[in-house]
């Protein structure tokens, strides 16, 4: 058989090169951002020292103490490598790398896999980026990889920054396939696989819940007097009936996984009756307790058989798991860990969860037990500006709602019919910050806005996420307006060239709409 000529080989190589170049161009055309993490597969190791190129590990030479241990492994069942670290007494248990190409004041998406070794305690690693640390307390599975997606703001960082995977615990943790890239509008919507709309995608409560978790001593009437329309109560027939008697809907908080089977058996015996506005809260935090989507779906199915019209709400800490559990719950209650400070943390989770499922399936829980009321108020208003379909407040057990809490609840309750309107997503921003307080502590915009609209009814929410007075210029407003009206005060907000200047107090909000039809008539 004749050997191919050199010209023919060159032609074939050239065709392959052009094919690869075309494929690369195709990726670029799709708008794929490059991964900024160097050597993310941990394969390249030019000097054969066991440390992947572009990466470094913590080091310590302190005598007579347990040192951190490092290795690059390919666990059984996986076809890619992981960085393994077991923390020691030297507090040097971390892998790190330099990340280049960072742009200031931009949102970045960090994705990676984590494997947790055998552990019985609440010991978690953390990741550090742009000077901020995130504890990975959502890792609940042992010996299996869990995928994590985190949103970071680069704030003032420019050019180069440090990424670290830190494990100070004596347990083994593995990091795999890290990816860091700039986020684009509607980023998360593109990541969700298209699926048929199931019946529960359309399910929602017939009202906008403003609920209380705790905050009553001997009488549920205190919550009704404070403006709440529902209360989180235990599955106790007497307490549920008392809530109904004072005009409150019951958000029935189910037991943890250990006591759930016994509770379901008691339901079959008909121990209490559900009212139309009642619903269940599954407070399992499944992403932390290792509850699988299939197990949670089984609980939901059992409830649906007993109460065909029932509505279930599952509490989560991380929006990433909304996608994983989307078929296991009717809606999701997003919350933050106690002690997490910026007001924009909760709204960020609400927004990402709303894109992963739908806005009607996302609620927000504001913690009043560990945050000053002022910052909690900011969290609540920001969550509303990001489309939360209901809001709950965790209050101290055994304490009645304070006058300040009552004032906040009544403000939200008075707007419940407007807040039920769907949000309009737009590429054009509604607000330009004009004061010197442009961003919060994480680099998020100081003022968050949304337009909620249905037919000829619409509402603009402008919420201030910082603890300083801020001025903002509203623009890209609905056409044909002479002024806006403040729903709470009734005052007119004048427009100039179709724009309106707003002044917002610390962690406060404005709720604005257009003039009523009667006001639009000449001579009115």
Protein backbone atom coordinates (compact mmCIF):
# COMPACT_ATOMS: atom_id res chain seq x y z
CA UNK A 1 0.00 0.00 0.00
CA UNK A 2 1.35 3.38 -1.05
CA UNK A 3 2.28 5.79 1.71
CA UNK A 4 0.44 9.15 1.65
CA UNK A 5 2.47 12.03 0.32
CA UNK A 6 3.75 14.82 2.59
CA UNK A 7 1.47 17.26 0.78
CA UNK A 8 -1.54 15.11 1.56
CA UNK A 9 -0.55 14.87 5.24
CA UNK A 10 -0.10 18.63 5.37
CA UNK A 11 -3.52 19.07 3.81
CA UNK A 12 -5.12 16.81 6.41
CA UNK A 13 -3.33 18.61 9.29
CA UNK A 14 -4.40 21.94 7.90
CA UNK A 15 -8.02 20.76 7.70
CA UNK A 16 -7.86 19.55 11.31
CA UNK A 17 -6.39 22.87 12.40
CA UNK A 18 -9.12 24.78 10.60
CA UNK A 19 -11.71 22.49 12.16
CA UNK A 20 -10.37 23.13 15.65
CA UNK A 21 -10.16 26.85 14.92
CA UNK A 22 -13.75 26.82 13.67
CA UNK A 23 -14.84 24.96 16.81
CA UNK A 24 -13.08 27.53 18.97
CA UNK A 25 -14.75 30.32 17.03
CA UNK A 26 -18.08 28.57 17.51
CA UNK A 27 -17.57 28.58 21.28
CA UNK A 28 -16.68 32.25 21.22
CA UNK A 29 -19.72 33.00 19.06
CA UNK A 30 -21.88 31.33 21.69
CA UNK A 31 -20.56 33.83 24.21
CA UNK A 32 -18.76 31.37 26.45
CA UNK A 33 -16.54 33.15 28.94
CA UNK A 34 -13.12 31.56 29.57
CA UNK A 35 -12.38 29.85 32.87
CA UNK A 36 -10.09 32.14 34.87
CA UNK A 37 -8.89 29.37 37.20
CA UNK A 38 -5.49 28.06 36.04
CA UNK A 39 -5.05 24.34 35.39
CA UNK A 40 -8.55 23.46 36.73
CA UNK A 41 -8.12 19.77 35.96
CA UNK A 42 -4.90 19.60 38.08
CA UNK A 43 -3.28 17.52 35.31
CA UNK A 44 -0.33 19.74 34.36
CA UNK A 45 2.67 19.27 36.66
CA UNK A 46 5.77 20.25 34.67
CA UNK A 47 8.29 19.74 37.50
CA UNK A 48 6.68 16.49 38.74
CA UNK A 49 6.64 17.69 42.35
CA UNK A 50 3.04 16.59 43.03
CA UNK A 51 1.77 20.17 43.00
CA UNK A 52 -0.25 21.12 39.88
CA UNK A 53 1.11 24.01 37.83
CA UNK A 54 -0.42 27.33 38.86
CA UNK A 55 -1.31 26.06 42.33
CA UNK A 56 0.35 26.30 45.74
CA UNK A 57 -0.41 24.70 49.07
CA UNK A 58 -0.09 25.94 52.61
CA UNK A 59 3.17 25.08 54.27
CA UNK A 60 4.39 24.88 57.84
CA UNK A 61 7.53 23.61 59.55
CA UNK A 62 6.36 23.92 63.14
CA UNK A 63 7.65 20.99 65.21
CA UNK A 64 5.69 18.78 67.57
CA UNK A 65 2.24 19.59 66.10
CA UNK A 66 0.07 17.81 63.55
CA UNK A 67 0.75 19.28 60.12
CA UNK A 68 -1.81 19.66 57.33
CA UNK A 69 -1.72 16.97 54.64
CA UNK A 70 -2.03 17.54 50.90
CA UNK A 71 -2.40 15.32 47.85
CA UNK A 72 -3.82 15.17 44.32
CA UNK A 73 -6.17 12.21 43.95
CA UNK A 74 -8.66 10.67 41.56
CA UNK A 75 -11.33 9.15 43.84
CA UNK A 76 -12.98 5.88 42.88
CA UNK A 77 -15.95 6.47 40.61
CA UNK A 78 -14.65 9.77 39.21
CA UNK A 79 -12.71 10.42 36.02
CA UNK A 80 -11.19 13.74 37.08
CA UNK A 81 -8.72 14.82 39.74
CA UNK A 82 -9.34 16.50 43.07
CA UNK A 83 -7.13 18.50 45.41
CA UNK A 84 -7.28 16.80 48.81
CA UNK A 85 -6.46 18.54 52.08
CA UNK A 86 -6.70 17.48 55.71
CA UNK A 87 -6.32 20.37 58.10
CA UNK A 88 -3.74 20.26 60.88
CA UNK A 89 -2.82 22.21 63.97
CA UNK A 90 -0.57 24.44 61.86
CA UNK A 91 -3.68 26.12 60.34
CA UNK A 92 -2.01 25.82 56.92
CA UNK A 93 -4.60 23.54 55.35
CA UNK A 94 -5.32 25.34 52.11
CA UNK A 95 -4.70 25.18 48.36
CA UNK A 96 -4.50 28.48 46.49
CA UNK A 97 -3.89 29.97 43.07
CA UNK A 98 -3.59 33.38 41.42
CA UNK A 99 -6.50 34.44 39.23
CA UNK A 100 -5.88 37.00 36.49
CA UNK A 101 -8.09 39.06 34.21
CA UNK A 102 -10.39 40.39 36.95
CA UNK A 103 -12.58 43.41 36.15
CA UNK A 104 -13.73 45.71 38.98
CA UNK A 105 -17.39 45.95 40.05
CA UNK A 106 -18.50 42.86 38.17
CA UNK A 107 -20.35 39.73 39.26
CA UNK A 108 -18.51 36.42 38.95
CA UNK A 109 -19.81 32.86 39.16
CA UNK A 110 -17.63 30.34 41.01
CA UNK A 111 -18.42 26.65 40.47
CA UNK A 112 -16.66 23.56 41.83
CA UNK A 113 -17.16 20.05 43.23
CA UNK A 114 -16.56 19.15 46.88
CA UNK A 115 -16.19 15.71 48.42
CA UNK A 116 -16.52 15.39 52.19
CA UNK A 117 -14.66 12.67 54.05
CA UNK A 118 -16.11 10.77 57.04
CA UNK A 119 -17.32 13.30 59.60
CA UNK A 120 -19.72 13.41 62.51
CA UNK A 121 -19.44 17.07 63.46
CA UNK A 122 -20.34 20.40 61.86
CA UNK A 123 -16.88 20.99 60.41
CA UNK A 124 -16.77 22.66 57.02
CA UNK A 125 -14.18 24.11 54.66
CA UNK A 126 -14.48 27.50 53.03
CA UNK A 127 -13.51 29.28 49.84
CA UNK A 128 -11.98 32.75 49.74
CA UNK A 129 -12.19 35.11 46.78
CA UNK A 130 -11.90 38.89 46.41
CA UNK A 131 -11.17 39.09 50.14
CA UNK A 132 -14.46 37.42 51.12
CA UNK A 133 -14.87 33.97 52.68
CA UNK A 134 -17.84 31.62 52.21
CA UNK A 135 -18.22 28.66 54.56
CA UNK A 136 -19.38 25.58 52.67
CA UNK A 137 -21.92 24.50 55.27
CA UNK A 138 -24.26 23.23 52.55
CA UNK A 139 -22.08 20.13 52.16
CA UNK A 140 -24.16 17.31 53.64
CA UNK A 141 -23.20 14.17 51.71
CA UNK A 142 -20.24 12.00 52.69
CA UNK A 143 -17.99 10.40 50.08
CA UNK A 144 -19.91 11.84 47.13
CA UNK A 145 -19.23 14.98 45.11
CA UNK A 146 -21.59 17.91 45.57
CA UNK A 147 -21.61 20.69 43.02
CA UNK A 148 -21.51 24.23 44.43
CA UNK A 149 -22.24 27.52 42.64
CA UNK A 150 -21.47 30.81 44.37
CA UNK A 151 -21.88 34.39 43.19
CA UNK A 152 -19.15 36.89 44.10
CA UNK A 153 -18.68 40.57 43.34
CA UNK A 154 -15.18 41.69 42.42
CA UNK A 155 -15.78 45.09 44.08
CA UNK A 156 -12.61 47.18 43.62
CA UNK A 157 -10.38 44.24 42.66
CA UNK A 158 -8.71 44.66 39.30
CA UNK A 159 -6.29 42.50 37.31
CA UNK A 160 -5.29 39.79 39.80
CA UNK A 161 -6.74 38.21 42.92
CA UNK A 162 -6.22 35.10 45.08
CA UNK A 163 -8.55 32.09 45.24
CA UNK A 164 -8.16 29.77 48.23
CA UNK A 165 -9.79 26.49 49.26
CA UNK A 166 -9.31 26.32 53.04
CA UNK A 167 -9.84 23.32 55.31
CA UNK A 168 -8.89 23.92 58.94
CA UNK A 169 -10.67 20.76 60.12
CA UNK A 170 -9.06 17.36 60.77
CA UNK A 171 -11.50 15.88 58.19
CA UNK A 172 -10.60 15.27 54.56
CA UNK A 173 -12.14 17.55 51.94
CA UNK A 174 -11.57 17.47 48.18
CA UNK A 175 -11.87 20.27 45.61
CA UNK A 176 -12.58 19.38 42.00
CA UNK A 177 -13.21 21.13 38.64
CA UNK A 178 -13.15 24.79 39.83
CA UNK A 179 -14.50 27.32 37.31
CA UNK A 180 -14.59 31.10 37.67
CA UNK A 181 -16.03 33.35 34.98
CA UNK A 182 -17.92 36.65 34.69
CA UNK A 183 -21.68 36.41 34.93
CA UNK A 184 -24.00 37.60 32.19
CA UNK A 185 -27.65 38.69 32.40
CA UNK A 186 -29.99 35.71 32.75
CA UNK A 187 -26.97 33.46 33.29
CA UNK A 188 -28.86 30.96 35.41
CA UNK A 189 -31.79 30.73 33.03
CA UNK A 190 -29.43 29.35 30.38
CA UNK A 191 -28.16 26.64 32.73
CA UNK A 192 -31.60 25.08 33.40
CA UNK A 193 -32.58 22.21 31.13
CA UNK A 194 -35.91 22.79 29.36
CA UNK A 195 -38.62 20.69 30.98
CA UNK A 196 -42.40 20.48 30.63
CA UNK A 197 -44.33 22.68 33.05
CA UNK A 198 -45.77 20.37 35.67
CA UNK A 199 -48.95 21.14 37.53
CA UNK A 200 -47.21 22.41 40.64
CA UNK A 201 -45.26 24.93 38.58
CA UNK A 202 -48.54 26.83 38.39
CA UNK A 203 -49.47 26.32 42.05
CA UNK A 204 -49.25 29.26 44.39
CA UNK A 205 -50.99 30.52 47.48
CA UNK A 206 -54.12 32.56 46.83
CA UNK A 207 -52.70 35.43 48.91
CA UNK A 208 -49.38 37.15 49.62
CA UNK A 209 -48.23 35.61 52.92
CA UNK A 210 -46.71 37.89 55.54
CA UNK A 211 -45.83 35.29 58.14
CA UNK A 212 -44.36 35.07 61.61
CA UNK A 213 -42.02 32.36 62.88
CA UNK A 214 -42.10 32.71 66.66
CA UNK A 215 -42.90 36.02 68.33
CA UNK A 216 -45.91 35.05 70.45
CA UNK A 217 -46.16 34.01 74.07
CA UNK A 218 -49.62 32.92 75.14
CA UNK A 219 -51.88 34.27 72.42
CA UNK A 220 -51.73 34.19 68.64
CA UNK A 221 -53.85 37.34 68.69
CA UNK A 222 -50.62 39.31 69.15
CA UNK A 223 -49.54 38.30 65.65
CA UNK A 224 -52.90 39.22 64.14
CA UNK A 225 -52.77 42.60 65.86
CA UNK A 226 -49.25 43.12 64.46
CA UNK A 227 -50.48 42.77 60.86
CA UNK A 228 -49.42 39.19 60.06
CA UNK A 229 -51.79 37.09 57.98
CA UNK A 230 -50.23 33.70 58.76
CA UNK A 231 -48.24 32.10 61.56
CA UNK A 232 -45.74 29.23 61.53
CA UNK A 233 -47.15 26.75 64.05
CA UNK A 234 -46.37 23.17 65.10
CA UNK A 235 -48.63 20.34 63.87
CA UNK A 236 -50.85 20.68 66.91
CA UNK A 237 -54.62 20.63 66.37
CA UNK A 238 -55.38 23.03 69.22
CA UNK A 239 -52.83 25.66 68.10
CA UNK A 240 -53.96 25.42 64.47
CA UNK A 241 -57.58 25.99 65.49
CA UNK A 242 -56.57 28.95 67.67
CA UNK A 243 -54.77 30.49 64.70
CA UNK A 244 -57.94 30.15 62.61
CA UNK A 245 -60.03 31.73 65.37
CA UNK A 246 -57.94 34.93 65.32
CA UNK A 247 -57.96 35.12 61.51
CA UNK A 248 -54.50 33.69 60.82
CA UNK A 249 -53.65 31.07 58.24
CA UNK A 250 -51.53 28.23 59.59
CA UNK A 251 -48.11 27.50 58.10
CA UNK A 252 -47.75 24.03 59.63
CA UNK A 253 -44.12 23.30 60.37
CA UNK A 254 -43.44 19.60 59.92
CA UNK A 255 -41.02 17.67 62.14
CA UNK A 256 -37.50 16.86 61.06
CA UNK A 257 -36.88 13.67 59.11
CA UNK A 258 -36.67 11.47 62.23
CA UNK A 259 -40.23 12.26 63.33
CA UNK A 260 -41.83 12.67 59.94
CA UNK A 261 -43.09 9.10 59.53
CA UNK A 262 -44.95 9.20 62.85
CA UNK A 263 -46.48 12.55 61.92
CA UNK A 264 -47.73 11.26 58.56
CA UNK A 265 -49.42 8.33 60.34
CA UNK A 266 -51.19 10.79 62.65
CA UNK A 267 -52.42 12.71 59.61
CA UNK A 268 -54.04 9.54 58.28
CA UNK A 269 -56.08 9.35 61.48
CA UNK A 270 -57.49 12.80 60.71
CA UNK A 271 -56.16 14.65 63.74
CA UNK A 272 -56.72 18.07 62.18
CA UNK A 273 -58.37 19.68 59.16
CA UNK A 274 -56.63 21.98 56.71
CA UNK A 275 -58.20 25.34 55.93
CA UNK A 276 -57.96 26.83 52.46
CA UNK A 277 -55.13 29.22 53.30
CA UNK A 278 -53.06 26.72 55.31
CA UNK A 279 -49.89 25.09 53.98
CA UNK A 280 -46.95 22.95 55.08
CA UNK A 281 -43.36 24.03 55.70
CA UNK A 282 -40.73 21.31 55.32
CA UNK A 283 -37.94 22.70 57.47
CA UNK A 284 -35.48 19.96 56.58
CA UNK A 285 -32.80 22.09 54.91
CA UNK A 286 -32.25 19.04 52.73
CA UNK A 287 -29.05 20.35 51.19
CA UNK A 288 -27.39 20.25 54.63
CA UNK A 289 -28.89 17.06 56.03
CA UNK A 290 -28.21 14.83 53.03
CA UNK A 291 -31.93 14.37 52.25
CA UNK A 292 -32.20 13.34 48.61
CA UNK A 293 -34.66 14.92 46.15
CA UNK A 294 -36.37 11.51 45.80
CA UNK A 295 -36.91 11.24 49.56
CA UNK A 296 -38.32 14.74 49.77
CA UNK A 297 -40.59 14.10 46.78
CA UNK A 298 -41.94 11.05 48.64
CA UNK A 299 -42.89 13.21 51.64
CA UNK A 300 -44.59 15.71 49.37
CA UNK A 301 -46.52 12.95 47.59
CA UNK A 302 -47.73 11.57 50.93
CA UNK A 303 -49.00 15.01 51.92
CA UNK A 304 -50.70 15.45 48.55
CA UNK A 305 -52.55 12.14 48.94
CA UNK A 306 -53.86 13.16 52.36
CA UNK A 307 -54.60 16.75 51.35
CA UNK A 308 -55.00 16.96 47.54
CA UNK A 309 -54.99 20.77 47.54
CA UNK A 310 -52.05 21.07 49.93
CA UNK A 311 -49.15 23.44 49.30
CA UNK A 312 -45.61 22.64 50.52
CA UNK A 313 -42.80 25.11 51.18
CA UNK A 314 -39.23 23.86 51.74
CA UNK A 315 -36.60 26.00 53.45
CA UNK A 316 -33.16 26.24 51.81
CA UNK A 317 -29.96 28.13 52.47
CA UNK A 318 -28.42 27.89 48.99
CA UNK A 319 -30.24 28.71 45.74
CA UNK A 320 -28.10 26.15 43.90
CA UNK A 321 -30.24 23.39 45.45
CA UNK A 322 -33.50 24.92 44.24
CA UNK A 323 -32.68 23.44 40.84
CA UNK A 324 -31.90 20.04 42.34
CA UNK A 325 -35.10 19.92 44.44
CA UNK A 326 -37.37 21.71 41.95
CA UNK A 327 -39.57 18.60 41.53
CA UNK A 328 -39.75 17.91 45.29
CA UNK A 329 -41.56 21.00 46.59
CA UNK A 330 -44.19 23.49 45.46
CA UNK A 331 -42.11 26.46 46.58
CA UNK A 332 -38.91 27.35 48.42
CA UNK A 333 -38.21 29.56 51.43
CA UNK A 334 -34.81 31.22 51.02
CA UNK A 335 -32.93 32.29 54.13
CA UNK A 336 -29.44 33.27 55.23
CA UNK A 337 -27.29 31.92 58.01
CA UNK A 338 -27.44 33.84 61.24
CA UNK A 339 -24.66 36.38 61.41
CA UNK A 340 -24.37 36.93 57.64
CA UNK A 341 -24.37 40.69 57.41
CA UNK A 342 -25.07 42.48 54.09
CA UNK A 343 -28.75 43.12 53.43
CA UNK A 344 -28.30 42.14 49.78
CA UNK A 345 -27.44 38.51 50.65
CA UNK A 346 -31.08 37.45 50.90
CA UNK A 347 -32.19 39.31 47.79
CA UNK A 348 -29.32 37.74 45.85
CA UNK A 349 -30.57 34.28 46.81
CA UNK A 350 -34.18 35.16 45.97
CA UNK A 351 -33.16 36.41 42.52
CA UNK A 352 -31.07 33.35 41.63
CA UNK A 353 -33.74 30.95 42.91
CA UNK A 354 -36.43 32.80 40.93
CA UNK A 355 -34.48 32.26 37.72
CA UNK A 356 -33.87 28.58 38.46
CA UNK A 357 -37.57 27.85 38.96
CA UNK A 358 -40.05 30.71 38.78
CA UNK A 359 -40.76 33.81 40.83
CA UNK A 360 -44.07 32.43 42.12
CA UNK A 361 -42.21 29.57 43.82
CA UNK A 362 -39.73 31.64 45.87
CA UNK A 363 -40.32 33.15 49.33
CA UNK A 364 -37.97 34.92 51.74
CA UNK A 365 -37.25 34.49 55.46
CA UNK A 366 -35.88 37.53 57.30
CA UNK A 367 -34.15 36.87 60.63
CA UNK A 368 -35.01 39.43 63.29
CA UNK A 369 -33.20 37.53 66.07
CA UNK A 370 -29.60 38.18 64.99
CA UNK A 371 -29.82 41.35 62.87
CA UNK A 372 -30.65 44.92 63.90
CA UNK A 373 -34.18 45.81 62.87
CA UNK A 374 -32.90 48.45 60.45
CA UNK A 375 -30.82 45.95 58.46
CA UNK A 376 -33.58 43.33 58.61
CA UNK A 377 -35.94 45.92 57.15
CA UNK A 378 -33.49 46.45 54.30
CA UNK A 379 -33.30 42.69 53.68
CA UNK A 380 -37.09 42.49 53.53
CA UNK A 381 -37.49 45.36 51.07
CA UNK A 382 -34.64 44.11 48.87
CA UNK A 383 -36.23 40.64 48.78
CA UNK A 384 -39.50 42.22 47.62
CA UNK A 385 -37.62 44.17 44.96
CA UNK A 386 -36.24 40.86 43.67
CA UNK A 387 -39.64 39.22 43.33
CA UNK A 388 -40.26 37.28 46.57
CA UNK A 389 -43.83 35.88 46.49
CA UNK A 390 -44.13 35.95 50.25
CA UNK A 391 -42.10 37.03 53.26
CA UNK A 392 -41.64 35.57 56.72
CA UNK A 393 -39.99 37.00 59.84
CA UNK A 394 -38.17 34.86 62.38
CA UNK A 395 -38.63 36.46 65.80
CA UNK A 396 -37.47 35.57 69.28
CA UNK A 397 -39.54 32.89 70.95
CA UNK A 398 -41.65 34.13 73.83
CA UNK A 399 -41.41 37.80 72.84
CA UNK A 400 -44.25 39.86 71.44
CA UNK A 401 -43.73 41.91 68.27
CA UNK A 402 -42.30 45.35 69.06
CA UNK A 403 -43.94 48.54 67.74
CA UNK A 404 -41.11 48.84 65.19
CA UNK A 405 -41.75 45.31 63.91
CA UNK A 406 -45.48 46.03 63.72
CA UNK A 407 -44.78 49.12 61.64
CA UNK A 408 -42.65 47.12 59.19
CA UNK A 409 -45.21 44.32 58.90
CA UNK A 410 -48.11 46.72 58.34
CA UNK A 411 -46.15 48.47 55.55
CA UNK A 412 -45.77 45.17 53.72
CA UNK A 413 -49.29 43.94 54.50
CA UNK A 414 -50.81 47.13 53.09
CA UNK A 415 -49.03 46.46 49.78
CA UNK A 416 -49.84 42.76 49.48
CA UNK A 417 -52.19 43.13 46.49
CA UNK A 418 -49.56 45.05 44.56
CA UNK A 419 -46.74 42.71 45.56
CA UNK A 420 -48.61 39.78 44.02
CA UNK A 421 -48.13 41.29 40.54
CA UNK A 422 -45.50 39.52 38.40
CA UNK A 423 -42.15 41.25 37.95
CA UNK A 424 -41.08 42.52 34.54
CA UNK A 425 -37.51 41.56 33.66
CA UNK A 426 -35.79 44.19 31.54
CA UNK A 427 -32.30 44.66 30.18
CA UNK A 428 -32.62 48.43 30.69
CA UNK A 429 -31.90 49.54 34.26
CA UNK A 430 -34.53 51.53 36.12
CA UNK A 431 -32.16 53.43 38.38
CA UNK A 432 -28.90 55.39 38.32
CA UNK A 433 -27.24 56.10 41.66
CA UNK A 434 -26.40 59.77 42.10
CA UNK A 435 -25.13 59.88 45.68
CA UNK A 436 -21.65 58.80 46.79
CA UNK A 437 -23.04 55.59 48.27
CA UNK A 438 -22.89 53.60 45.03
CA UNK A 439 -22.47 50.08 46.43
CA UNK A 440 -22.88 48.08 49.62
CA UNK A 441 -20.17 46.13 51.46
CA UNK A 442 -20.11 43.40 48.80
CA UNK A 443 -20.06 45.71 45.81
CA UNK A 444 -23.78 45.28 45.09
CA UNK A 445 -25.66 48.42 43.90
CA UNK A 446 -26.95 50.57 46.74
CA UNK A 447 -30.45 50.84 45.28
CA UNK A 448 -32.32 47.85 43.83
CA UNK A 449 -35.46 48.31 41.71
CA UNK A 450 -38.09 46.26 39.96
CA UNK A 451 -41.22 46.91 37.93
CA UNK A 452 -44.20 44.69 38.80
CA UNK A 453 -46.91 44.77 36.17
CA UNK A 454 -50.15 43.10 35.13
CA UNK A 455 -52.29 44.73 32.45
CA UNK A 456 -52.63 48.43 33.19
CA UNK A 457 -51.62 47.97 36.87
CA UNK A 458 -47.97 48.44 37.72
CA UNK A 459 -45.71 49.17 40.69
CA UNK A 460 -42.10 50.30 41.01
CA UNK A 461 -40.15 49.17 44.08
CA UNK A 462 -36.95 51.08 44.88
CA UNK A 463 -35.07 49.68 47.91
CA UNK A 464 -31.93 51.07 49.52
CA UNK A 465 -29.50 48.32 50.57
CA UNK A 466 -27.03 50.48 52.53
CA UNK A 467 -27.23 52.08 55.96
CA UNK A 468 -26.79 55.62 54.61
CA UNK A 469 -29.25 58.01 52.92
CA UNK A 470 -29.00 57.58 49.15
CA UNK A 471 -30.28 59.49 46.14
CA UNK A 472 -31.23 57.70 42.95
CA UNK A 473 -32.49 58.76 39.52
CA UNK A 474 -35.33 56.63 38.12
CA UNK A 475 -35.33 56.33 34.35
CA UNK A 476 -36.74 54.10 31.58
CA UNK A 477 -40.18 54.54 33.15
CA UNK A 478 -43.49 53.61 31.47
CA UNK A 479 -44.33 56.16 28.78
CA UNK A 480 -46.97 58.89 28.98
CA UNK A 481 -46.53 59.84 32.64
CA UNK A 482 -46.50 63.33 34.14
CA UNK A 483 -45.70 62.17 37.66
CA UNK A 484 -45.52 59.12 39.95
CA UNK A 485 -47.53 58.60 43.12
CA UNK A 486 -46.10 57.27 46.39
CA UNK A 487 -48.51 54.51 47.45
CA UNK A 488 -47.76 54.92 51.15
CA UNK A 489 -47.98 58.71 51.49
CA UNK A 490 -50.07 59.61 48.47
CA UNK A 491 -47.54 62.31 47.56
CA UNK A 492 -46.71 63.07 43.95
CA UNK A 493 -43.20 62.48 42.64
CA UNK A 494 -42.62 64.90 39.73
CA UNK A 495 -41.03 63.78 36.49
CA UNK A 496 -38.60 65.74 34.35
CA UNK A 497 -37.80 64.42 30.88
CA UNK A 498 -39.42 61.16 31.90
CA UNK A 499 -37.14 60.74 34.95
CA UNK A 500 -37.70 61.03 38.69
CA UNK A 501 -35.25 61.81 41.52
CA UNK A 502 -35.74 59.77 44.70
CA UNK A 503 -34.32 60.17 48.20
CA UNK A 504 -34.21 57.00 50.26
CA UNK A 505 -33.39 56.65 53.94
CA UNK A 506 -31.03 53.98 55.32
CA UNK A 507 -32.33 50.49 54.45
CA UNK A 508 -35.65 52.00 53.37
CA UNK A 509 -37.83 51.69 50.26
CA UNK A 510 -40.27 53.64 48.09
CA UNK A 511 -43.30 52.09 46.41
CA UNK A 512 -44.46 54.08 43.39
CA UNK A 513 -47.15 53.78 40.76
CA UNK A 514 -48.66 55.88 37.98
CA UNK A 515 -51.65 58.21 38.41
CA UNK A 516 -55.10 56.67 38.59
CA UNK A 517 -57.35 56.93 35.56
CA UNK A 518 -59.49 59.67 37.14
CA UNK A 519 -56.36 61.73 37.78
CA UNK A 520 -55.40 61.50 34.12
CA UNK A 521 -58.52 63.32 32.98
CA UNK A 522 -58.08 67.00 31.98
CA UNK A 523 -58.88 69.40 34.78
CA UNK A 524 -58.56 66.80 37.51
